[in-house]
All heavy atoms as atom14 arrays in JSON, in Angstrom:
{
  "sequence": "GSISNDYKGDFPRALDFYLKALKLEEELKDKNGLAGILGNIGN",
  "atom14_mask": [
    [1, 1, 1, 1, 0, 0, 0, 0, 0, 0, 0, 0, 0, 0],
    [1, 1, 1, 1, 1, 1, 0, 0, 0, 0, 0, 0, 0, 0],
    [1, 1, 1, 1, 1, 1, 1, 1, 0, 0, 0, 0, 0, 0],
    [1, 1, 1, 1, 1, 1, 0, 0, 0, 0, 0, 0, 0, 0],
    [1, 1, 1, 1, 1, 1, 1, 1, 0, 0, 0, 0, 0, 0],
    [1, 1, 1, 1, 1, 1, 1, 1, 0, 0, 0, 0, 0, 0],
    [1, 1, 1, 1, 1, 1, 1, 1, 1, 1, 1, 1, 0, 0],
    [1, 1, 1, 1, 1, 1, 1, 1, 1, 0, 0, 0, 0, 0],
    [1, 1, 1, 1, 0, 0, 0, 0, 0, 0, 0, 0, 0, 0],
    [1, 1, 1, 1, 1, 1, 1, 1, 0, 0, 0, 0, 0, 0],
    [1, 1, 1, 1, 1, 1, 1, 1, 1, 1, 1, 0, 0, 0],
    [1, 1, 1, 1, 1, 1, 1, 0, 0, 0, 0, 0, 0, 0],
    [1, 1, 1, 1, 1, 1, 1, 1, 1, 1, 1, 0, 0, 0],
    [1, 1, 1, 1, 1, 0, 0, 0, 0, 0, 0, 0, 0, 0],
    [1, 1, 1, 1, 1, 1, 1, 1, 0, 0, 0, 0, 0, 0],
    [1, 1, 1, 1, 1, 1, 1, 1, 0, 0, 0, 0, 0, 0],
    [1, 1, 1, 1, 1, 1, 1, 1, 1, 1, 1, 0, 0, 0],
    [1, 1, 1, 1, 1, 1, 1, 1, 1, 1, 1, 1, 0, 0],
    [1, 1, 1, 1, 1, 1, 1, 1, 0, 0, 0, 0, 0, 0],
    [1, 1, 1, 1, 1, 1, 1, 1, 1, 0, 0, 0, 0, 0],
    [1, 1, 1, 1, 1, 0, 0, 0, 0, 0, 0, 0, 0, 0],
    [1, 1, 1, 1, 1, 1, 1, 1, 0, 0, 0, 0, 0, 0],
    [1, 1, 1, 1, 1, 1, 1, 1, 1, 0, 0, 0, 0, 0],
    [1, 1, 1, 1, 1, 1, 1, 1, 0, 0, 0, 0, 0, 0],
    [1, 1, 1, 1, 1, 1, 1, 1, 1, 0, 0, 0, 0, 0],
    [1, 1, 1, 1, 1, 1, 1, 1, 1, 0, 0, 0, 0, 0],
    [1, 1, 1, 1, 1, 1, 1, 1, 1, 0, 0, 0, 0, 0],
    [1, 1, 1, 1, 1, 1, 1, 1, 0, 0, 0, 0, 0, 0],
    [1, 1, 1, 1, 1, 1, 1, 1, 1, 0, 0, 0, 0, 0],
    [1, 1, 1, 1, 1, 1, 1, 1, 0, 0, 0, 0, 0, 0],
    [1, 1, 1, 1, 1, 1, 1, 1, 1, 0, 0, 0, 0, 0],
    [1, 1, 1, 1, 1, 1, 1, 1, 0, 0, 0, 0, 0, 0],
    [1, 1, 1, 1, 0, 0, 0, 0, 0, 0, 0, 0, 0, 0],
    [1, 1, 1, 1, 1, 1, 1, 1, 0, 0, 0, 0, 0, 0],
    [1, 1, 1, 1, 1, 0, 0, 0, 0, 0, 0, 0, 0, 0],
    [1, 1, 1, 1, 0, 0, 0, 0, 0, 0, 0, 0, 0, 0],
    [1, 1, 1, 1, 1, 1, 1, 1, 0, 0, 0, 0, 0, 0],
    [1, 1, 1, 1, 1, 1, 1, 1, 0, 0, 0, 0, 0, 0],
    [1, 1, 1, 1, 0, 0, 0, 0, 0, 0, 0, 0, 0, 0],
    [1, 1, 1, 1, 1, 1, 1, 1, 0, 0, 0, 0, 0, 0],
    [1, 1, 1, 1, 1, 1, 1, 1, 0, 0, 0, 0, 0, 0],
    [1, 1, 1, 1, 0, 0, 0, 0, 0, 0, 0, 0, 0, 0],
    [1, 1, 1, 1, 1, 1, 1, 1, 0, 0, 0, 0, 0, 0]
  ],
  "atom14_positions": [
    [[-0.99, 2.1, 6.31], [0.2, 1.34, 5.87], [1.49, 1.97, 6.2], [2.42, 1.38, 6.66], [0.0, 0.0, 0.0], [0.0, 0.0, 0.0], [0.0, 0.0, 0.0], [0.0, 0.0, 0.0], [0.0, 0.0, 0.0], [0.0, 0.0, 0.0], [0.0, 0.0, 0.0], [0.0, 0.0, 0.0], [0.0, 0.0, 0.0], [0.0, 0.0, 0.0]],
    [[1.55, 3.33, 5.92], [2.78, 4.02, 6.24], [3.07, 4.12, 7.68], [4.2, 3.88, 8.1], [2.61, 5.45, 5.62], [2.55, 5.37, 4.2], [0.0, 0.0, 0.0], [0.0, 0.0, 0.0], [0.0, 0.0, 0.0], [0.0, 0.0, 0.0], [0.0, 0.0, 0.0], [0.0, 0.0, 0.0], [0.0, 0.0, 0.0], [0.0, 0.0, 0.0]],
    [[2.01, 4.24, 8.47], [2.21, 4.29, 9.96], [2.74, 2.86, 10.44], [3.63, 2.78, 11.24], [1.0, 4.72, 10.77], [0.72, 6.17, 10.39], [1.16, 4.53, 12.19], [-0.72, 6.63, 10.81], [0.0, 0.0, 0.0], [0.0, 0.0, 0.0], [0.0, 0.0, 0.0], [0.0, 0.0, 0.0], [0.0, 0.0, 0.0], [0.0, 0.0, 0.0]],
    [[2.07, 1.86, 9.91], [2.45, 0.47, 10.3], [3.93, 0.18, 9.89], [4.61, -0.5, 10.64], [1.52, -0.48, 9.72], [0.16, -0.36, 10.18], [0.0, 0.0, 0.0], [0.0, 0.0, 0.0], [0.0, 0.0, 0.0], [0.0, 0.0, 0.0], [0.0, 0.0, 0.0], [0.0, 0.0, 0.0], [0.0, 0.0, 0.0], [0.0, 0.0, 0.0]],
    [[4.27, 0.65, 8.76], [5.63, 0.38, 8.3], [6.65, 1.16, 8.96], [7.65, 0.69, 9.47], [5.69, 0.53, 6.74], [6.99, 0.11, 6.12], [7.52, -0.95, 6.45], [7.53, 0.91, 5.28], [0.0, 0.0, 0.0], [0.0, 0.0, 0.0], [0.0, 0.0, 0.0], [0.0, 0.0, 0.0], [0.0, 0.0, 0.0], [0.0, 0.0, 0.0]],
    [[6.46, 2.45, 8.93], [7.51, 3.41, 9.35], [7.59, 3.56, 10.93], [8.73, 3.58, 11.5], [7.25, 4.81, 8.77], [7.37, 4.82, 7.27], [7.99, 3.84, 6.66], [6.83, 5.74, 6.66], [0.0, 0.0, 0.0], [0.0, 0.0, 0.0], [0.0, 0.0, 0.0], [0.0, 0.0, 0.0], [0.0, 0.0, 0.0], [0.0, 0.0, 0.0]],
    [[6.43, 3.56, 11.56], [6.43, 3.86, 12.96], [6.44, 2.54, 13.81], [7.23, 2.38, 14.73], [5.23, 4.72, 13.31], [4.97, 4.89, 14.79], [5.9, 5.4, 15.59], [3.71, 4.56, 15.27], [5.64, 5.61, 16.94], [3.42, 4.7, 16.6], [4.36, 5.2, 17.52], [4.14, 5.41, 18.83], [0.0, 0.0, 0.0], [0.0, 0.0, 0.0]],
    [[5.54, 1.66, 13.38], [5.41, 0.44, 14.27], [6.25, -0.71, 13.85], [6.46, -1.67, 14.61], [3.92, 0.03, 14.25], [3.11, 1.12, 14.8], [1.64, 0.67, 15.05], [0.9, 1.83, 15.65], [-0.19, 1.49, 16.45], [0.0, 0.0, 0.0], [0.0, 0.0, 0.0], [0.0, 0.0, 0.0], [0.0, 0.0, 0.0], [0.0, 0.0, 0.0]],
    [[6.78, -0.69, 12.55], [7.56, -1.8, 12.1], [6.77, -3.07, 12.03], [7.3, -4.15, 11.97], [0.0, 0.0, 0.0], [0.0, 0.0, 0.0], [0.0, 0.0, 0.0], [0.0, 0.0, 0.0], [0.0, 0.0, 0.0], [0.0, 0.0, 0.0], [0.0, 0.0, 0.0], [0.0, 0.0, 0.0], [0.0, 0.0, 0.0], [0.0, 0.0, 0.0]],
    [[5.46, -2.96, 11.8], [4.55, -3.99, 11.67], [4.32, -4.32, 10.24], [3.41, -3.8, 9.62], [3.2, -3.77, 12.34], [2.35, -4.93, 12.43], [2.52, -5.91, 11.74], [1.29, -4.86, 13.19], [0.0, 0.0, 0.0], [0.0, 0.0, 0.0], [0.0, 0.0, 0.0], [0.0, 0.0, 0.0], [0.0, 0.0, 0.0], [0.0, 0.0, 0.0]],
    [[5.29, -4.93, 9.64], [5.37, -5.16, 8.15], [4.12, -5.96, 7.61], [3.57, -5.54, 6.65], [6.66, -5.75, 7.75], [7.82, -5.01, 8.16], [8.88, -5.65, 8.93], [7.9, -3.61, 8.04], [9.94, -4.88, 9.38], [9.09, -2.91, 8.48], [10.01, -3.53, 9.19], [0.0, 0.0, 0.0], [0.0, 0.0, 0.0], [0.0, 0.0, 0.0]],
    [[3.75, -7.12, 8.28], [2.58, -7.78, 7.78], [1.28, -6.96, 7.76], [0.51, -6.92, 6.76], [2.39, -8.97, 8.76], [3.78, -9.17, 9.33], [4.34, -7.71, 9.36], [0.0, 0.0, 0.0], [0.0, 0.0, 0.0], [0.0, 0.0, 0.0], [0.0, 0.0, 0.0], [0.0, 0.0, 0.0], [0.0, 0.0, 0.0], [0.0, 0.0, 0.0]],
    [[1.17, -6.09, 8.75], [0.0, -5.18, 8.78], [0.15, -4.11, 7.72], [-0.89, -3.74, 7.12], [-0.11, -4.56, 10.19], [-1.42, -3.88, 10.37], [-1.79, -3.76, 11.84], [-3.15, -3.36, 12.01], [-3.58, -2.4, 12.84], [-2.73, -1.95, 13.72], [-4.8, -2.05, 12.87], [0.0, 0.0, 0.0], [0.0, 0.0, 0.0], [0.0, 0.0, 0.0]],
    [[1.27, -3.56, 7.52], [1.48, -2.56, 6.54], [1.11, -3.16, 5.14], [0.45, -2.52, 4.35], [2.93, -2.09, 6.5], [0.0, 0.0, 0.0], [0.0, 0.0, 0.0], [0.0, 0.0, 0.0], [0.0, 0.0, 0.0], [0.0, 0.0, 0.0], [0.0, 0.0, 0.0], [0.0, 0.0, 0.0], [0.0, 0.0, 0.0], [0.0, 0.0, 0.0]],
    [[1.65, -4.38, 4.85], [1.31, -5.03, 3.56], [-0.17, -5.24, 3.42], [-0.7, -5.07, 2.31], [2.03, -6.36, 3.49], [3.45, -6.34, 3.09], [4.13, -7.73, 3.15], [3.64, -5.74, 1.74], [0.0, 0.0, 0.0], [0.0, 0.0, 0.0], [0.0, 0.0, 0.0], [0.0, 0.0, 0.0], [0.0, 0.0, 0.0], [0.0, 0.0, 0.0]],
    [[-0.84, -5.65, 4.53], [-2.26, -5.84, 4.45], [-2.99, -4.55, 4.05], [-3.88, -4.55, 3.13], [-2.84, -6.33, 5.82], [-4.22, -6.61, 5.79], [-4.75, -7.39, 4.89], [-4.95, -6.17, 6.68], [0.0, 0.0, 0.0], [0.0, 0.0, 0.0], [0.0, 0.0, 0.0], [0.0, 0.0, 0.0], [0.0, 0.0, 0.0], [0.0, 0.0, 0.0]],
    [[-2.63, -3.43, 4.69], [-3.28, -2.16, 4.31], [-2.96, -1.78, 2.89], [-3.82, -1.38, 2.09], [-2.71, -1.03, 5.27], [-3.37, -1.11, 6.67], [-2.54, -0.99, 7.75], [-4.66, -1.3, 6.86], [-3.06, -1.0, 9.08], [-5.16, -1.38, 8.19], [-4.42, -1.22, 9.22], [0.0, 0.0, 0.0], [0.0, 0.0, 0.0], [0.0, 0.0, 0.0]],
    [[-1.74, -1.89, 2.48], [-1.35, -1.54, 1.14], [-1.98, -2.47, 0.01], [-2.42, -1.94, -1.01], [0.15, -1.54, 0.9], [0.93, -0.45, 1.59], [2.07, -0.64, 2.26], [0.46, 0.87, 1.5], [2.85, 0.42, 2.8], [1.19, 1.92, 2.05], [2.3, 1.66, 2.76], [3.01, 2.74, 3.3], [0.0, 0.0, 0.0], [0.0, 0.0, 0.0]],
    [[-2.11, -3.72, 0.32], [-2.71, -4.58, -0.62], [-4.24, -4.32, -0.73], [-4.84, -4.44, -1.85], [-2.41, -6.02, -0.21], [-0.99, -6.54, -0.44], [-0.79, -7.94, 0.17], [-0.61, -6.47, -1.92], [0.0, 0.0, 0.0], [0.0, 0.0, 0.0], [0.0, 0.0, 0.0], [0.0, 0.0, 0.0], [0.0, 0.0, 0.0], [0.0, 0.0, 0.0]],
    [[-4.84, -3.96, 0.4], [-6.29, -3.56, 0.28], [-6.46, -2.25, -0.53], [-7.35, -2.13, -1.33], [-6.83, -3.38, 1.75], [-7.07, -4.68, 2.42], [-7.58, -4.33, 3.88], [-7.79, -5.64, 4.62], [-8.23, -5.4, 6.03], [0.0, 0.0, 0.0], [0.0, 0.0, 0.0], [0.0, 0.0, 0.0], [0.0, 0.0, 0.0], [0.0, 0.0, 0.0]],
    [[-5.53, -1.37, -0.31], [-5.56, -0.06, -1.08], [-5.28, -0.41, -2.55], [-5.99, 0.13, -3.41], [-4.53, 0.9, -0.54], [0.0, 0.0, 0.0], [0.0, 0.0, 0.0], [0.0, 0.0, 0.0], [0.0, 0.0, 0.0], [0.0, 0.0, 0.0], [0.0, 0.0, 0.0], [0.0, 0.0, 0.0], [0.0, 0.0, 0.0], [0.0, 0.0, 0.0]],
    [[-4.39, -1.3, -2.86], [-4.04, -1.62, -4.22], [-5.25, -2.22, -4.94], [-5.53, -1.88, -6.06], [-2.91, -2.66, -4.24], [-2.38, -3.16, -5.61], [-1.72, -1.96, -6.3], [-1.46, -4.29, -5.44], [0.0, 0.0, 0.0], [0.0, 0.0, 0.0], [0.0, 0.0, 0.0], [0.0, 0.0, 0.0], [0.0, 0.0, 0.0], [0.0, 0.0, 0.0]],
    [[-5.95, -3.12, -4.29], [-7.21, -3.78, -4.86], [-8.15, -2.69, -5.27], [-8.73, -2.67, -6.39], [-7.76, -4.76, -3.92], [-8.91, -5.44, -4.44], [-9.49, -6.5, -3.5], [-10.77, -7.19, -4.15], [-11.43, -7.98, -3.2], [0.0, 0.0, 0.0], [0.0, 0.0, 0.0], [0.0, 0.0, 0.0], [0.0, 0.0, 0.0], [0.0, 0.0, 0.0]],
    [[-8.43, -1.71, -4.35], [-9.42, -0.69, -4.62], [-8.88, 0.25, -5.75], [-9.7, 0.67, -6.51], [-9.73, 0.09, -3.29], [-10.44, -0.64, -2.24], [-10.51, 0.1, -0.93], [-11.8, -1.02, -2.73], [0.0, 0.0, 0.0], [0.0, 0.0, 0.0], [0.0, 0.0, 0.0], [0.0, 0.0, 0.0], [0.0, 0.0, 0.0], [0.0, 0.0, 0.0]],
    [[-7.65, 0.5, -5.72], [-7.06, 1.45, -6.68], [-7.15, 0.81, -8.01], [-7.34, 1.53, -9.04], [-5.62, 1.74, -6.29], [-5.06, 3.11, -6.94], [-5.64, 4.3, -6.38], [-5.27, 4.78, -5.28], [-6.6, 4.83, -7.01], [0.0, 0.0, 0.0], [0.0, 0.0, 0.0], [0.0, 0.0, 0.0], [0.0, 0.0, 0.0], [0.0, 0.0, 0.0]],
    [[-6.93, -0.56, -8.13], [-7.17, -1.25, -9.39], [-8.56, -1.04, -9.98], [-8.75, -0.85, -11.17], [-6.72, -2.69, -9.26], [-5.28, -2.9, -9.1], [-4.89, -4.35, -8.75], [-5.77, -5.09, -8.27], [-3.71, -4.76, -8.93], [0.0, 0.0, 0.0], [0.0, 0.0, 0.0], [0.0, 0.0, 0.0], [0.0, 0.0, 0.0], [0.0, 0.0, 0.0]],
    [[-9.57, -1.13, -9.04], [-10.87, -0.94, -9.41], [-11.14, 0.51, -9.97], [-11.95, 0.71, -10.88], [-11.87, -1.17, -8.28], [-11.88, -2.68, -7.89], [-12.68, -2.93, -6.6], [-13.41, -2.01, -6.12], [-12.6, -4.06, -6.01], [0.0, 0.0, 0.0], [0.0, 0.0, 0.0], [0.0, 0.0, 0.0], [0.0, 0.0, 0.0], [0.0, 0.0, 0.0]],
    [[-10.45, 1.46, -9.38], [-10.56, 2.84, -9.82], [-9.8, 3.13, -11.07], [-10.08, 4.18, -11.72], [-10.11, 3.79, -8.74], [-10.93, 3.88, -7.41], [-10.17, 4.66, -6.31], [-12.32, 4.45, -7.66], [0.0, 0.0, 0.0], [0.0, 0.0, 0.0], [0.0, 0.0, 0.0], [0.0, 0.0, 0.0], [0.0, 0.0, 0.0], [0.0, 0.0, 0.0]],
    [[-8.85, 2.23, -11.43], [-7.99, 2.32, -12.62], [-7.25, 3.62, -12.58], [-7.08, 4.31, -13.59], [-8.9, 2.3, -13.89], [-9.51, 0.91, -14.03], [-10.39, 0.86, -15.31], [-10.86, -0.55, -15.61], [-11.99, -0.96, -15.08], [0.0, 0.0, 0.0], [0.0, 0.0, 0.0], [0.0, 0.0, 0.0], [0.0, 0.0, 0.0], [0.0, 0.0, 0.0]],
    [[-6.8, 3.97, -11.36], [-5.9, 5.19, -11.22], [-4.44, 4.73, -11.23], [-3.94, 4.27, -10.3], [-6.25, 5.86, -9.85], [-5.4, 7.08, -9.53], [-4.59, 7.49, -10.45], [-5.47, 7.54, -8.42], [0.0, 0.0, 0.0], [0.0, 0.0, 0.0], [0.0, 0.0, 0.0], [0.0, 0.0, 0.0], [0.0, 0.0, 0.0], [0.0, 0.0, 0.0]],
    [[-3.87, 4.9, -12.46], [-2.46, 4.44, -12.64], [-1.42, 5.19, -11.76], [-0.56, 4.59, -11.14], [-1.99, 4.55, -14.03], [-2.65, 3.62, -15.01], [-2.18, 3.73, -16.37], [-2.8, 2.59, -17.29], [-2.19, 2.69, -18.65], [0.0, 0.0, 0.0], [0.0, 0.0, 0.0], [0.0, 0.0, 0.0], [0.0, 0.0, 0.0], [0.0, 0.0, 0.0]],
    [[-1.69, 6.46, -11.46], [-0.81, 7.27, -10.62], [-0.82, 6.7, -9.18], [0.16, 6.47, -8.53], [-1.15, 8.66, -10.69], [-0.08, 9.55, -10.17], [1.1, 9.36, -10.4], [-0.47, 10.61, -9.39], [0.0, 0.0, 0.0], [0.0, 0.0, 0.0], [0.0, 0.0, 0.0], [0.0, 0.0, 0.0], [0.0, 0.0, 0.0], [0.0, 0.0, 0.0]],
    [[-2.08, 6.49, -8.7], [-2.24, 5.95, -7.35], [-1.66, 4.54, -7.27], [-0.97, 4.2, -6.32], [0.0, 0.0, 0.0], [0.0, 0.0, 0.0], [0.0, 0.0, 0.0], [0.0, 0.0, 0.0], [0.0, 0.0, 0.0], [0.0, 0.0, 0.0], [0.0, 0.0, 0.0], [0.0, 0.0, 0.0], [0.0, 0.0, 0.0], [0.0, 0.0, 0.0]],
    [[-1.85, 3.72, -8.33], [-1.31, 2.3, -8.32], [0.22, 2.37, -8.24], [0.75, 1.59, -7.49], [-1.72, 1.61, -9.6], [-3.14, 1.06, -9.71], [-3.46, 0.59, -11.13], [-3.27, -0.06, -8.69], [0.0, 0.0, 0.0], [0.0, 0.0, 0.0], [0.0, 0.0, 0.0], [0.0, 0.0, 0.0], [0.0, 0.0, 0.0], [0.0, 0.0, 0.0]],
    [[0.82, 3.21, -8.94], [2.27, 3.33, -8.96], [2.79, 3.6, -7.57], [3.76, 3.07, -7.11], [2.78, 4.37, -10.0], [0.0, 0.0, 0.0], [0.0, 0.0, 0.0], [0.0, 0.0, 0.0], [0.0, 0.0, 0.0], [0.0, 0.0, 0.0], [0.0, 0.0, 0.0], [0.0, 0.0, 0.0], [0.0, 0.0, 0.0], [0.0, 0.0, 0.0]],
    [[2.14, 4.57, -6.91], [2.56, 4.91, -5.53], [2.43, 3.8, -4.6], [3.3, 3.49, -3.76], [0.0, 0.0, 0.0], [0.0, 0.0, 0.0], [0.0, 0.0, 0.0], [0.0, 0.0, 0.0], [0.0, 0.0, 0.0], [0.0, 0.0, 0.0], [0.0, 0.0, 0.0], [0.0, 0.0, 0.0], [0.0, 0.0, 0.0], [0.0, 0.0, 0.0]],
    [[1.29, 3.07, -4.64], [1.12, 1.91, -3.73], [2.01, 0.84, -4.0], [2.6, 0.2, -3.1], [-0.47, 1.53, -3.81], [-1.36, 2.62, -3.35], [-0.61, 0.2, -3.09], [-2.82, 2.38, -3.63], [0.0, 0.0, 0.0], [0.0, 0.0, 0.0], [0.0, 0.0, 0.0], [0.0, 0.0, 0.0], [0.0, 0.0, 0.0], [0.0, 0.0, 0.0]],
    [[2.31, 0.52, -5.25], [3.26, -0.49, -5.65], [4.62, -0.18, -5.09], [5.34, -1.02, -4.52], [3.24, -0.66, -7.21], [2.08, -1.34, -7.79], [2.14, -1.17, -9.33], [1.95, -2.77, -7.44], [0.0, 0.0, 0.0], [0.0, 0.0, 0.0], [0.0, 0.0, 0.0], [0.0, 0.0, 0.0], [0.0, 0.0, 0.0], [0.0, 0.0, 0.0]],
    [[4.99, 1.15, -5.19], [6.34, 1.51, -4.62], [6.25, 1.34, -3.1], [7.35, 0.91, -2.53], [0.0, 0.0, 0.0], [0.0, 0.0, 0.0], [0.0, 0.0, 0.0], [0.0, 0.0, 0.0], [0.0, 0.0, 0.0], [0.0, 0.0, 0.0], [0.0, 0.0, 0.0], [0.0, 0.0, 0.0], [0.0, 0.0, 0.0], [0.0, 0.0, 0.0]],
    [[5.15, 1.66, -2.44], [5.05, 1.5, -0.97], [5.18, 0.01, -0.52], [5.8, -0.33, 0.42], [3.86, 2.13, -0.42], [3.83, 3.6, -0.42], [4.94, 4.25, -0.49], [2.72, 4.26, -0.43], [0.0, 0.0, 0.0], [0.0, 0.0, 0.0], [0.0, 0.0, 0.0], [0.0, 0.0, 0.0], [0.0, 0.0, 0.0], [0.0, 0.0, 0.0]],
    [[4.63, -0.82, -1.35], [4.72, -2.26, -1.1], [6.15, -2.68, -1.25], [6.65, -3.45, -0.41], [3.75, -3.09, -2.0], [2.3, -2.78, -1.62], [4.06, -4.61, -1.94], [1.27, -3.33, -2.63], [0.0, 0.0, 0.0], [0.0, 0.0, 0.0], [0.0, 0.0, 0.0], [0.0, 0.0, 0.0], [0.0, 0.0, 0.0], [0.0, 0.0, 0.0]],
    [[6.79, -2.25, -2.31], [8.24, -2.51, -2.47], [9.09, -1.98, -1.24], [9.98, -2.8, -0.83], [0.0, 0.0, 0.0], [0.0, 0.0, 0.0], [0.0, 0.0, 0.0], [0.0, 0.0, 0.0], [0.0, 0.0, 0.0], [0.0, 0.0, 0.0], [0.0, 0.0, 0.0], [0.0, 0.0, 0.0], [0.0, 0.0, 0.0], [0.0, 0.0, 0.0]],
    [[8.74, -0.94, -0.76], [9.47, -0.38, 0.5], [9.32, -1.31, 1.64], [10.24, -1.56, 2.42], [8.89, 1.01, 0.84], [9.25, 2.08, -0.12], [10.16, 1.88, -0.92], [8.54, 3.2, -0.09], [0.0, 0.0, 0.0], [0.0, 0.0, 0.0], [0.0, 0.0, 0.0], [0.0, 0.0, 0.0], [0.0, 0.0, 0.0], [0.0, 0.0, 0.0]]
  ]
}
């Protein structure tokens, strides 16, 4: 997601990667990881 956003400027793809990560992180119940991913989606 970071590569797609920062390097390629492919925002839909970056969002797709981050949203997939978010879903898995929610299953893990890792609040710290969730906060980071939510911030990246905001970016």
